[in-house]
Amino acid sequence: MAHEEDVFTVPELANYLRMKPITIYKHVAGGKLPGFKVGSQWRFKRKTIDSWIEEQERSSFKARSVKKN
């Protein structure tokens, strides 16, 4: 069973990612950030966000590698 701390609200995720809440809303609405709605409020699983961060790091690294060659 998931613990409460395994799911972020928008303000919690904004703090975790060091972003403004409005940026979180824009990214999730644009499909750039994985999330789901509970009623009218967005929620984000910590594991999913951590995987997304790793994916962003990998794609950023690949882009830099291609740019250098």
N, C-alpha and C. Protein backbone atom coordinates (compact mmCIF):
# COMPACT_ATOMS: atom_id res chain seq x y z
N MET A 1 0.84 -1.19 0.00
CA MET A 1 0.00 0.00 0.00
C MET A 1 0.88 1.25 0.00
N ALA A 2 0.50 2.23 -0.81
CA ALA A 2 1.29 3.46 -0.93
C ALA A 2 1.15 4.31 0.33
N HIS A 3 2.23 4.92 0.71
CA HIS A 3 2.22 5.84 1.83
C HIS A 3 1.93 7.24 1.31
N GLU A 4 1.42 8.08 2.17
CA GLU A 4 1.08 9.45 1.79
C GLU A 4 2.29 10.18 1.22
N GLU A 5 3.48 9.93 1.76
CA GLU A 5 4.68 10.63 1.29
C GLU A 5 5.16 10.11 -0.07
N ASP A 6 4.54 9.06 -0.59
CA ASP A 6 4.90 8.53 -1.91
C ASP A 6 4.17 9.26 -3.04
N VAL A 7 3.29 10.19 -2.68
CA VAL A 7 2.52 10.95 -3.67
C VAL A 7 2.66 12.43 -3.34
N PHE A 8 3.01 13.22 -4.36
CA PHE A 8 3.17 14.66 -4.21
C PHE A 8 1.91 15.40 -4.65
N THR A 9 1.63 16.51 -4.00
CA THR A 9 0.68 17.50 -4.50
C THR A 9 1.48 18.47 -5.36
N VAL A 10 0.82 19.40 -6.02
CA VAL A 10 1.54 20.37 -6.85
C VAL A 10 2.53 21.19 -6.02
N PRO A 11 2.13 21.76 -4.87
CA PRO A 11 3.12 22.52 -4.08
C PRO A 11 4.30 21.66 -3.60
N GLU A 12 4.02 20.42 -3.22
CA GLU A 12 5.09 19.53 -2.76
C GLU A 12 6.05 19.20 -3.90
N LEU A 13 5.50 18.94 -5.09
CA LEU A 13 6.34 18.64 -6.24
C LEU A 13 7.14 19.87 -6.66
N ALA A 14 6.53 21.02 -6.61
CA ALA A 14 7.23 22.26 -6.94
C ALA A 14 8.43 22.45 -6.01
N ASN A 15 8.24 22.17 -4.75
CA ASN A 15 9.34 22.26 -3.79
C ASN A 15 10.41 21.21 -4.09
N TYR A 16 9.99 20.00 -4.36
CA TYR A 16 10.90 18.88 -4.65
C TYR A 16 11.76 19.16 -5.88
N LEU A 17 11.15 19.74 -6.92
CA LEU A 17 11.85 20.03 -8.17
C LEU A 17 12.44 21.44 -8.21
N ARG A 18 12.16 22.21 -7.16
CA ARG A 18 12.61 23.61 -7.09
C ARG A 18 12.10 24.41 -8.29
N MET A 19 10.80 24.28 -8.50
CA MET A 19 10.11 25.00 -9.57
C MET A 19 8.92 25.73 -8.96
N LYS A 20 8.37 26.66 -9.71
CA LYS A 20 7.16 27.34 -9.26
C LYS A 20 5.96 26.45 -9.56
N PRO A 21 4.93 26.48 -8.71
CA PRO A 21 3.73 25.67 -8.97
C PRO A 21 3.11 25.91 -10.34
N ILE A 22 3.12 27.15 -10.82
CA ILE A 22 2.53 27.44 -12.13
C ILE A 22 3.28 26.69 -13.23
N THR A 23 4.58 26.51 -13.06
CA THR A 23 5.38 25.78 -14.04
C THR A 23 5.01 24.30 -14.03
N ILE A 24 4.73 23.77 -12.84
CA ILE A 24 4.29 22.38 -12.72
C ILE A 24 2.98 22.21 -13.49
N TYR A 25 2.03 23.12 -13.26
CA TYR A 25 0.74 23.05 -13.96
C TYR A 25 0.92 23.11 -15.48
N LYS A 26 1.79 24.01 -15.95
CA LYS A 26 2.02 24.13 -17.39
C LYS A 26 2.62 22.85 -17.97
N HIS A 27 3.60 22.29 -17.27
CA HIS A 27 4.25 21.07 -17.76
C HIS A 27 3.31 19.87 -17.77
N VAL A 28 2.53 19.71 -16.74
CA VAL A 28 1.62 18.57 -16.69
C VAL A 28 0.50 18.73 -17.71
N ALA A 29 0.01 19.94 -17.89
CA ALA A 29 -1.04 20.19 -18.89
C ALA A 29 -0.50 19.97 -20.30
N GLY A 30 0.78 20.25 -20.50
CA GLY A 30 1.39 20.07 -21.82
C GLY A 30 1.92 18.68 -22.06
N GLY A 31 1.74 17.78 -21.10
CA GLY A 31 2.19 16.41 -21.25
C GLY A 31 3.69 16.22 -21.05
N LYS A 32 4.36 17.22 -20.52
CA LYS A 32 5.80 17.12 -20.30
C LYS A 32 6.15 16.50 -18.95
N LEU A 33 5.18 16.41 -18.07
CA LEU A 33 5.39 15.91 -16.71
C LEU A 33 4.31 14.87 -16.40
N PRO A 34 4.69 13.69 -15.91
CA PRO A 34 3.70 12.65 -15.63
C PRO A 34 2.94 12.92 -14.34
N GLY A 35 1.63 12.86 -14.43
CA GLY A 35 0.80 13.06 -13.24
C GLY A 35 -0.59 12.49 -13.48
N PHE A 36 -1.40 12.54 -12.45
CA PHE A 36 -2.78 12.05 -12.56
C PHE A 36 -3.65 12.93 -11.66
N LYS A 37 -4.93 12.94 -11.98
CA LYS A 37 -5.86 13.76 -11.21
C LYS A 37 -6.63 12.94 -10.20
N VAL A 38 -6.82 13.53 -9.05
CA VAL A 38 -7.71 13.00 -8.02
C VAL A 38 -8.77 14.09 -7.86
N GLY A 39 -9.94 13.82 -8.43
CA GLY A 39 -10.95 14.87 -8.51
C GLY A 39 -10.44 15.93 -9.46
N SER A 40 -10.29 17.15 -8.97
CA SER A 40 -9.80 18.24 -9.81
C SER A 40 -8.34 18.60 -9.51
N GLN A 41 -7.71 17.84 -8.61
CA GLN A 41 -6.34 18.17 -8.20
C GLN A 41 -5.32 17.19 -8.76
N TRP A 42 -4.18 17.71 -9.18
CA TRP A 42 -3.10 16.88 -9.70
C TRP A 42 -2.32 16.21 -8.58
N ARG A 43 -1.89 14.98 -8.85
CA ARG A 43 -1.03 14.22 -7.94
C ARG A 43 0.09 13.60 -8.76
N PHE A 44 1.21 13.32 -8.10
CA PHE A 44 2.39 12.82 -8.78
C PHE A 44 3.05 11.76 -7.90
N LYS A 45 3.25 10.56 -8.44
CA LYS A 45 3.92 9.50 -7.69
C LYS A 45 5.41 9.78 -7.65
N ARG A 46 5.99 9.66 -6.46
CA ARG A 46 7.42 9.91 -6.30
C ARG A 46 8.26 9.02 -7.22
N LYS A 47 7.93 7.72 -7.31
CA LYS A 47 8.69 6.81 -8.16
C LYS A 47 8.63 7.23 -9.62
N THR A 48 7.46 7.65 -10.06
CA THR A 48 7.29 8.08 -11.45
C THR A 48 8.08 9.35 -11.71
N ILE A 49 8.05 10.28 -10.78
CA ILE A 49 8.80 11.54 -10.93
C ILE A 49 10.30 11.26 -10.94
N ASP A 50 10.76 10.39 -10.04
CA ASP A 50 12.19 10.06 -10.00
C ASP A 50 12.63 9.39 -11.31
N SER A 51 11.79 8.54 -11.86
CA SER A 51 12.09 7.91 -13.16
C SER A 51 12.10 8.96 -14.26
N TRP A 52 11.17 9.89 -14.22
CA TRP A 52 11.11 10.98 -15.20
C TRP A 52 12.38 11.83 -15.13
N ILE A 53 12.85 12.12 -13.92
CA ILE A 53 14.09 12.89 -13.75
C ILE A 53 15.26 12.14 -14.40
N GLU A 54 15.36 10.85 -14.15
CA GLU A 54 16.44 10.05 -14.74
C GLU A 54 16.35 10.07 -16.27
N GLU A 55 15.14 9.97 -16.79
CA GLU A 55 14.94 10.01 -18.25
C GLU A 55 15.38 11.37 -18.81
N GLN A 56 15.06 12.44 -18.10
CA GLN A 56 15.47 13.78 -18.53
C GLN A 56 17.00 13.90 -18.53
N GLU A 57 17.63 13.32 -17.52
CA GLU A 57 19.09 13.35 -17.45
C GLU A 57 19.70 12.59 -18.63
N ARG A 58 19.16 11.41 -18.92
CA ARG A 58 19.68 10.59 -20.03
C ARG A 58 19.51 11.32 -21.37
N SER A 59 18.33 11.88 -21.61
CA SER A 59 18.10 12.55 -22.89
C SER A 59 18.96 13.81 -23.00
N SER A 60 19.18 14.48 -21.90
CA SER A 60 20.04 15.66 -21.90
C SER A 60 21.48 15.27 -22.18
N PHE A 61 21.93 14.17 -21.59
CA PHE A 61 23.28 13.68 -21.80
C PHE A 61 23.48 13.27 -23.26
N LYS A 62 22.48 12.58 -23.83
CA LYS A 62 22.56 12.14 -25.23
C LYS A 62 22.64 13.36 -26.15
N ALA A 63 21.84 14.37 -25.87
CA ALA A 63 21.82 15.58 -26.70
C ALA A 63 23.18 16.27 -26.66
N ARG A 64 23.79 16.33 -25.49
CA ARG A 64 25.11 16.95 -25.37
C ARG A 64 26.15 16.12 -26.10
N SER A 65 26.07 14.79 -26.03
CA SER A 65 27.02 13.91 -26.69
C SER A 65 26.94 14.07 -28.21
N VAL A 66 25.75 14.14 -28.74
CA VAL A 66 25.55 14.29 -30.18
C VAL A 66 26.07 15.66 -30.63
N LYS A 67 25.85 16.67 -29.83
CA LYS A 67 26.27 18.02 -30.15
C LYS A 67 27.80 18.11 -30.26
N LYS A 68 28.51 17.40 -29.39
CA LYS A 68 29.97 17.43 -29.38
C LYS A 68 30.56 16.75 -30.59
N ASN A 69 29.90 15.72 -31.12
CA ASN A 69 30.43 14.96 -32.27
C ASN A 69 30.18 15.64 -33.56
